[in-house]
Amino acid sequence: PPTPPLTFVGDMGGGGIYLALGMLAALLSAQRT
């Protein structure tokens, strides 16, 4: 059967780190605009 890969792929990688990346990108935009 498919094997749950802990929370690396979803919560942590696909969720938390992408939000952090998005926050930083938007903060750069806010500084400029």
PDB file of all heavy atoms in Angstrom:
ATOM      1  N   PRO A   1       0.836  -1.210   0.000  1.00  0.00           N
ATOM      2  CA  PRO A   1       0.000   0.000   0.000  1.00  0.00           C
ATOM      3  C   PRO A   1       0.867   1.256   0.000  1.00  0.00           C
ATOM      4  O   PRO A   1       2.056   1.204   0.329  1.00  0.00           O
ATOM      5  CB  PRO A   1      -0.793  -0.114   1.314  1.00  0.00           C
ATOM      6  CG  PRO A   1      -0.660  -1.542   1.738  1.00  0.00           C
ATOM      7  CD  PRO A   1       0.660  -2.018   1.206  1.00  0.00           C
ATOM      8  N   PRO A   2       0.303   2.397  -0.353  1.00  0.00           N
ATOM      9  CA  PRO A   2       1.036   3.660  -0.226  1.00  0.00           C
ATOM     10  C   PRO A   2       1.515   3.837   1.217  1.00  0.00           C
ATOM     11  O   PRO A   2       0.808   3.490   2.164  1.00  0.00           O
ATOM     12  CB  PRO A   2      -0.002   4.719  -0.603  1.00  0.00           C
ATOM     13  CG  PRO A   2      -0.987   4.001  -1.461  1.00  0.00           C
ATOM     14  CD  PRO A   2      -1.057   2.605  -0.916  1.00  0.00           C
ATOM     15  N   THR A   3       2.715   4.376   1.375  1.00  0.00           N
ATOM     16  CA  THR A   3       3.327   4.507   2.699  1.00  0.00           C
ATOM     17  C   THR A   3       3.328   5.965   3.159  1.00  0.00           C
ATOM     18  O   THR A   3       3.940   6.820   2.507  1.00  0.00           O
ATOM     19  CB  THR A   3       4.787   4.006   2.667  1.00  0.00           C
ATOM     20  OG1 THR A   3       4.801   2.642   2.252  1.00  0.00           O
ATOM     21  CG2 THR A   3       5.424   4.130   4.034  1.00  0.00           C
ATOM     22  N   PRO A   4       2.679   6.303   4.277  1.00  0.00           N
ATOM     23  CA  PRO A   4       2.701   7.679   4.782  1.00  0.00           C
ATOM     24  C   PRO A   4       4.133   8.113   5.103  1.00  0.00           C
ATOM     25  O   PRO A   4       4.816   7.460   5.903  1.00  0.00           O
ATOM     26  CB  PRO A   4       1.850   7.597   6.059  1.00  0.00           C
ATOM     27  CG  PRO A   4       0.947   6.418   5.836  1.00  0.00           C
ATOM     28  CD  PRO A   4       1.783   5.435   5.072  1.00  0.00           C
ATOM     29  N   PRO A   5       4.619   9.199   4.512  1.00  0.00           N
ATOM     30  CA  PRO A   5       6.003   9.642   4.710  1.00  0.00           C
ATOM     31  C   PRO A   5       6.161  10.599   5.881  1.00  0.00           C
ATOM     32  O   PRO A   5       6.757  11.668   5.757  1.00  0.00           O
ATOM     33  CB  PRO A   5       6.314  10.337   3.385  1.00  0.00           C
ATOM     34  CG  PRO A   5       5.006  10.945   2.993  1.00  0.00           C
ATOM     35  CD  PRO A   5       3.935   9.979   3.456  1.00  0.00           C
ATOM     36  N   LEU A   6       5.609  10.238   7.043  1.00  0.00           N
ATOM     37  CA  LEU A   6       5.549  11.159   8.185  1.00  0.00           C
ATOM     38  C   LEU A   6       4.884  12.451   7.700  1.00  0.00           C
ATOM     39  O   LEU A   6       3.945  12.399   6.927  1.00  0.00           O
ATOM     40  CB  LEU A   6       6.941  11.377   8.781  1.00  0.00           C
ATOM     41  CG  LEU A   6       7.618  10.091   9.319  1.00  0.00           C
ATOM     42  CD1 LEU A   6       9.017  10.392   9.850  1.00  0.00           C
ATOM     43  CD2 LEU A   6       6.769   9.429  10.384  1.00  0.00           C
ATOM     44  N   THR A   7       5.373  13.618   8.127  1.00  0.00           N
ATOM     45  CA  THR A   7       4.734  14.865   7.675  1.00  0.00           C
ATOM     46  C   THR A   7       5.672  15.709   6.828  1.00  0.00           C
ATOM     47  O   THR A   7       5.457  16.910   6.665  1.00  0.00           O
ATOM     48  CB  THR A   7       4.245  15.694   8.875  1.00  0.00           C
ATOM     49  OG1 THR A   7       5.369  15.999   9.730  1.00  0.00           O
ATOM     50  CG2 THR A   7       3.198  14.946   9.676  1.00  0.00           C
ATOM     51  N   PHE A   8       6.710  15.083   6.292  1.00  0.00           N
ATOM     52  CA  PHE A   8       7.706  15.838   5.535  1.00  0.00           C
ATOM     53  C   PHE A   8       7.140  16.435   4.246  1.00  0.00           C
ATOM     54  O   PHE A   8       7.421  17.575   3.896  1.00  0.00           O
ATOM     55  CB  PHE A   8       8.906  14.942   5.179  1.00  0.00           C
ATOM     56  CG  PHE A   8       9.650  14.415   6.366  1.00  0.00           C
ATOM     57  CD1 PHE A   8      10.026  13.090   6.440  1.00  0.00           C
ATOM     58  CD2 PHE A   8       9.983  15.252   7.419  1.00  0.00           C
ATOM     59  CE1 PHE A   8      10.730  12.599   7.535  1.00  0.00           C
ATOM     60  CE2 PHE A   8      10.677  14.777   8.521  1.00  0.00           C
ATOM     61  CZ  PHE A   8      11.049  13.441   8.582  1.00  0.00           C
ATOM     62  N   VAL A   9       6.343  15.662   3.526  1.00  0.00           N
ATOM     63  CA  VAL A   9       5.870  16.081   2.211  1.00  0.00           C
ATOM     64  C   VAL A   9       4.749  17.108   2.316  1.00  0.00           C
ATOM     65  O   VAL A   9       4.707  18.072   1.554  1.00  0.00           O
ATOM     66  CB  VAL A   9       5.388  14.857   1.394  1.00  0.00           C
ATOM     67  CG1 VAL A   9       4.841  15.303   0.039  1.00  0.00           C
ATOM     68  CG2 VAL A   9       6.529  13.862   1.207  1.00  0.00           C
ATOM     69  N   GLY A  10       3.836  16.909   3.272  1.00  0.00           N
ATOM     70  CA  GLY A  10       2.670  17.774   3.391  1.00  0.00           C
ATOM     71  C   GLY A  10       2.857  18.925   4.354  1.00  0.00           C
ATOM     72  O   GLY A  10       3.247  20.027   3.968  1.00  0.00           O
ATOM     73  N   ASP A  11       2.577  18.695   5.623  1.00  0.00           N
ATOM     74  CA  ASP A  11       2.582  19.771   6.610  1.00  0.00           C
ATOM     75  C   ASP A  11       3.860  20.597   6.595  1.00  0.00           C
ATOM     76  O   ASP A  11       3.814  21.829   6.564  1.00  0.00           O
ATOM     77  CB  ASP A  11       2.398  19.188   8.016  1.00  0.00           C
ATOM     78  CG  ASP A  11       0.967  18.750   8.278  1.00  0.00           C
ATOM     79  OD1 ASP A  11       0.105  18.990   7.419  1.00  0.00           O
ATOM     80  OD2 ASP A  11       0.718  18.164   9.342  1.00  0.00           O
ATOM     81  N   MET A  12       4.996  19.933   6.656  1.00  0.00           N
ATOM     82  CA  MET A  12       6.254  20.662   6.809  1.00  0.00           C
ATOM     83  C   MET A  12       6.780  21.211   5.482  1.00  0.00           C
ATOM     84  O   MET A  12       7.022  22.410   5.342  1.00  0.00           O
ATOM     85  CB  MET A  12       7.315  19.760   7.462  1.00  0.00           C
ATOM     86  CG  MET A  12       6.873  19.167   8.780  1.00  0.00           C
ATOM     87  SD  MET A  12       6.360  20.440   9.973  1.00  0.00           S
ATOM     88  CE  MET A  12       5.490  19.436  11.166  1.00  0.00           C
ATOM     89  N   GLY A  13       6.965  20.327   4.499  1.00  0.00           N
ATOM     90  CA  GLY A  13       7.521  20.763   3.219  1.00  0.00           C
ATOM     91  C   GLY A  13       6.531  21.530   2.371  1.00  0.00           C
ATOM     92  O   GLY A  13       6.772  22.674   1.982  1.00  0.00           O
ATOM     93  N   GLY A  14       5.381  20.912   2.089  1.00  0.00           N
ATOM     94  CA  GLY A  14       4.397  21.550   1.228  1.00  0.00           C
ATOM     95  C   GLY A  14       3.621  22.656   1.908  1.00  0.00           C
ATOM     96  O   GLY A  14       3.029  23.499   1.241  1.00  0.00           O
ATOM     97  N   GLY A  15       3.629  22.681   3.237  1.00  0.00           N
ATOM     98  CA  GLY A  15       2.888  23.690   3.976  1.00  0.00           C
ATOM     99  C   GLY A  15       3.758  24.766   4.580  1.00  0.00           C
ATOM    100  O   GLY A  15       3.888  25.869   4.059  1.00  0.00           O
ATOM    101  N   GLY A  16       4.381  24.447   5.715  1.00  0.00           N
ATOM    102  CA  GLY A  16       5.116  25.453   6.476  1.00  0.00           C
ATOM    103  C   GLY A  16       6.225  26.144   5.716  1.00  0.00           C
ATOM    104  O   GLY A  16       6.362  27.375   5.767  1.00  0.00           O
ATOM    105  N   ILE A  17       7.029  25.389   4.987  1.00  0.00           N
ATOM    106  CA  ILE A  17       8.159  26.000   4.275  1.00  0.00           C
ATOM    107  C   ILE A  17       7.675  26.835   3.101  1.00  0.00           C
ATOM    108  O   ILE A  17       8.238  27.901   2.802  1.00  0.00           O
ATOM    109  CB  ILE A  17       9.148  24.912   3.809  1.00  0.00           C
ATOM    110  CG1 ILE A  17       9.761  24.213   5.025  1.00  0.00           C
ATOM    111  CG2 ILE A  17      10.258  25.527   2.957  1.00  0.00           C
ATOM    112  CD1 ILE A  17      10.484  25.148   5.997  1.00  0.00           C
ATOM    113  N   TYR A  18       6.602  26.395   2.425  1.00  0.00           N
ATOM    114  CA  TYR A  18       6.069  27.201   1.326  1.00  0.00           C
ATOM    115  C   TYR A  18       5.455  28.501   1.839  1.00  0.00           C
ATOM    116  O   TYR A  18       5.558  29.537   1.179  1.00  0.00           O
ATOM    117  CB  TYR A  18       5.044  26.399   0.514  1.00  0.00           C
ATOM    118  CG  TYR A  18       5.675  25.637  -0.617  1.00  0.00           C
ATOM    119  CD1 TYR A  18       6.197  24.367  -0.417  1.00  0.00           C
ATOM    120  CD2 TYR A  18       5.791  26.193  -1.887  1.00  0.00           C
ATOM    121  CE1 TYR A  18       6.803  23.660  -1.446  1.00  0.00           C
ATOM    122  CE2 TYR A  18       6.388  25.497  -2.921  1.00  0.00           C
ATOM    123  CZ  TYR A  18       6.900  24.233  -2.698  1.00  0.00           C
ATOM    124  OH  TYR A  18       7.506  23.535  -3.723  1.00  0.00           O
ATOM    125  N   LEU A  19       4.821  28.460   3.012  1.00  0.00           N
ATOM    126  CA  LEU A  19       4.299  29.708   3.566  1.00  0.00           C
ATOM    127  C   LEU A  19       5.441  30.641   3.933  1.00  0.00           C
ATOM    128  O   LEU A  19       5.371  31.847   3.676  1.00  0.00           O
ATOM    129  CB  LEU A  19       3.417  29.435   4.790  1.00  0.00           C
ATOM    130  CG  LEU A  19       2.850  30.684   5.475  1.00  0.00           C
ATOM    131  CD1 LEU A  19       2.067  31.556   4.501  1.00  0.00           C
ATOM    132  CD2 LEU A  19       1.972  30.298   6.664  1.00  0.00           C
ATOM    133  N   ALA A  20       6.505  30.096   4.521  1.00  0.00           N
ATOM    134  CA  ALA A  20       7.654  30.936   4.859  1.00  0.00           C
ATOM    135  C   ALA A  20       8.252  31.567   3.600  1.00  0.00           C
ATOM    136  O   ALA A  20       8.585  32.764   3.583  1.00  0.00           O
ATOM    137  CB  ALA A  20       8.719  30.117   5.596  1.00  0.00           C
ATOM    138  N   LEU A  21       8.383  30.787   2.545  1.00  0.00           N
ATOM    139  CA  LEU A  21       8.909  31.303   1.283  1.00  0.00           C
ATOM    140  C   LEU A  21       7.990  32.394   0.728  1.00  0.00           C
ATOM    141  O   LEU A  21       8.445  33.460   0.280  1.00  0.00           O
ATOM    142  CB  LEU A  21       9.034  30.162   0.269  1.00  0.00           C
ATOM    143  CG  LEU A  21       9.481  30.532  -1.139  1.00  0.00           C
ATOM    144  CD1 LEU A  21      10.878  31.125  -1.125  1.00  0.00           C
ATOM    145  CD2 LEU A  21       9.425  29.313  -2.052  1.00  0.00           C
ATOM    146  N   GLY A  22       6.672  32.140   0.776  1.00  0.00           N
ATOM    147  CA  GLY A  22       5.721  33.126   0.300  1.00  0.00           C
ATOM    148  C   GLY A  22       5.744  34.397   1.117  1.00  0.00           C
ATOM    149  O   GLY A  22       5.649  35.512   0.573  1.00  0.00           O
ATOM    150  N   MET A  23       5.885  34.264   2.433  1.00  0.00           N
ATOM    151  CA  MET A  23       5.964  35.441   3.299  1.00  0.00           C
ATOM    152  C   MET A  23       7.182  36.292   2.946  1.00  0.00           C
ATOM    153  O   MET A  23       7.098  37.523   2.838  1.00  0.00           O
ATOM    154  CB  MET A  23       6.041  35.006   4.761  1.00  0.00           C
ATOM    155  CG  MET A  23       4.797  34.326   5.310  1.00  0.00           C
ATOM    156  SD  MET A  23       3.356  35.400   5.477  1.00  0.00           S
ATOM    157  CE  MET A  23       3.886  36.501   6.782  1.00  0.00           C
ATOM    158  N   LEU A  24       8.317  35.641   2.751  1.00  0.00           N
ATOM    159  CA  LEU A  24       9.542  36.384   2.450  1.00  0.00           C
ATOM    160  C   LEU A  24       9.450  37.085   1.094  1.00  0.00           C
ATOM    161  O   LEU A  24       9.890  38.224   0.941  1.00  0.00           O
ATOM    162  CB  LEU A  24      10.746  35.445   2.495  1.00  0.00           C
ATOM    163  CG  LEU A  24      11.077  34.880   3.879  1.00  0.00           C
ATOM    164  CD1 LEU A  24      12.216  33.874   3.789  1.00  0.00           C
ATOM    165  CD2 LEU A  24      11.453  35.992   4.843  1.00  0.00           C
ATOM    166  N   ALA A  25       8.869  36.394   0.109  1.00  0.00           N
ATOM    167  CA  ALA A  25       8.709  37.010  -1.209  1.00  0.00           C
ATOM    168  C   ALA A  25       7.780  38.219  -1.131  1.00  0.00           C
ATOM    169  O   ALA A  25       8.045  39.281  -1.712  1.00  0.00           O
ATOM    170  CB  ALA A  25       8.168  35.991  -2.208  1.00  0.00           C
ATOM    171  N   ALA A  26       6.678  38.076  -0.390  1.00  0.00           N
ATOM    172  CA  ALA A  26       5.724  39.176  -0.254  1.00  0.00           C
ATOM    173  C   ALA A  26       6.320  40.325   0.561  1.00  0.00           C
ATOM    174  O   ALA A  26       6.013  41.502   0.309  1.00  0.00           O
ATOM    175  CB  ALA A  26       4.439  38.680   0.385  1.00  0.00           C
ATOM    176  N   LEU A  27       7.165  40.010   1.533  1.00  0.00           N
ATOM    177  CA  LEU A  27       7.828  41.064   2.310  1.00  0.00           C
ATOM    178  C   LEU A  27       8.785  41.869   1.434  1.00  0.00           C
ATOM    179  O   LEU A  27       8.884  43.092   1.565  1.00  0.00           O
ATOM    180  CB  LEU A  27       8.580  40.448   3.497  1.00  0.00           C
ATOM    181  CG  LEU A  27       7.700  39.969   4.660  1.00  0.00           C
ATOM    182  CD1 LEU A  27       8.497  39.087   5.607  1.00  0.00           C
ATOM    183  CD2 LEU A  27       7.123  41.164   5.413  1.00  0.00           C
ATOM    184  N   LEU A  28       9.489  41.184   0.535  1.00  0.00           N
ATOM    185  CA  LEU A  28      10.352  41.900  -0.407  1.00  0.00           C
ATOM    186  C   LEU A  28       9.522  42.834  -1.282  1.00  0.00           C
ATOM    187  O   LEU A  28       9.900  43.990  -1.526  1.00  0.00           O
ATOM    188  CB  LEU A  28      11.116  40.904  -1.286  1.00  0.00           C
ATOM    189  CG  LEU A  28      12.347  40.240  -0.684  1.00  0.00           C
ATOM    190  CD1 LEU A  28      12.891  39.182  -1.638  1.00  0.00           C
ATOM    191  CD2 LEU A  28      13.429  41.280  -0.400  1.00  0.00           C
ATOM    192  N   SER A  29       8.389  42.330  -1.751  1.00  0.00           N
ATOM    193  CA  SER A  29       7.516  43.151  -2.580  1.00  0.00           C
ATOM    194  C   SER A  29       6.998  44.358  -1.803  1.00  0.00           C
ATOM    195  O   SER A  29       6.958  45.482  -2.320  1.00  0.00           O
ATOM    196  CB  SER A  29       6.338  42.306  -3.088  1.00  0.00           C
ATOM    197  OG  SER A  29       5.415  43.102  -3.792  1.00  0.00           O
ATOM    198  N   ALA A  30       6.615  44.144  -0.546  1.00  0.00           N
ATOM    199  CA  ALA A  30       6.087  45.238   0.269  1.00  0.00           C
ATOM    200  C   ALA A  30       7.141  46.314   0.513  1.00  0.00           C
ATOM    201  O   ALA A  30       6.839  47.511   0.534  1.00  0.00           O
ATOM    202  CB  ALA A  30       5.565  44.693   1.600  1.00  0.00           C
ATOM    203  N   GLN A  31       8.389  45.891   0.689  1.00  0.00           N
ATOM    204  CA  GLN A  31       9.469  46.855   0.880  1.00  0.00           C
ATOM    205  C   GLN A  31       9.645  47.734  -0.352  1.00  0.00           C
ATOM    206  O   GLN A  31       9.940  48.928  -0.242  1.00  0.00           O
ATOM    207  CB  GLN A  31      10.781  46.123   1.197  1.00  0.00           C
ATOM    208  CG  GLN A  31      10.823  45.513   2.586  1.00  0.00           C
ATOM    209  CD  GLN A  31      12.121  44.771   2.835  1.00  0.00           C
ATOM    210  OE1 GLN A  31      12.973  44.650   1.941  1.00  0.00           O
ATOM    211  NE2 GLN A  31      12.283  44.249   4.040  1.00  0.00           N
ATOM    212  N   ARG A  32       9.457  47.153  -1.522  1.00  0.00           N
ATOM    213  CA  ARG A  32       9.689  47.889  -2.768  1.00  0.00           C
ATOM    214  C   ARG A  32       8.485  48.713  -3.213  1.00  0.00           C
ATOM    215  O   ARG A  32       8.639  49.777  -3.805  1.00  0.00           O
ATOM    216  CB  ARG A  32      10.074  46.905  -3.875  1.00  0.00           C
ATOM    217  CG  ARG A  32      11.405  46.216  -3.628  1.00  0.00           C
ATOM    218  CD  ARG A  32      11.663  45.106  -4.633  1.00  0.00           C
ATOM    219  NE  ARG A  32      12.946  44.449  -4.395  1.00  0.00           N
ATOM    220  CZ  ARG A  32      13.354  43.342  -4.998  1.00  0.00           C
ATOM    221  NH1 ARG A  32      12.556  42.747  -5.881  1.00  0.00           N
ATOM    222  NH2 ARG A  32      14.530  42.820  -4.733  1.00  0.00           N
ATOM    223  N   THR A  33       7.293  48.196  -2.909  1.00  0.00           N
ATOM    224  CA  THR A  33       6.089  48.846  -3.431  1.00  0.00           C
ATOM    225  C   THR A  33       5.268  49.564  -2.368  1.00  0.00           C
ATOM    226  O   THR A  33       4.398  50.373  -2.691  1.00  0.00           O
ATOM    227  CB  THR A  33       5.174  47.810  -4.110  1.00  0.00           C
ATOM    228  OG1 THR A  33       4.670  46.904  -3.113  1.00  0.00           O
ATOM    229  CG2 THR A  33       5.933  47.035  -5.177  1.00  0.00           C
TER     230      THR A  33
END
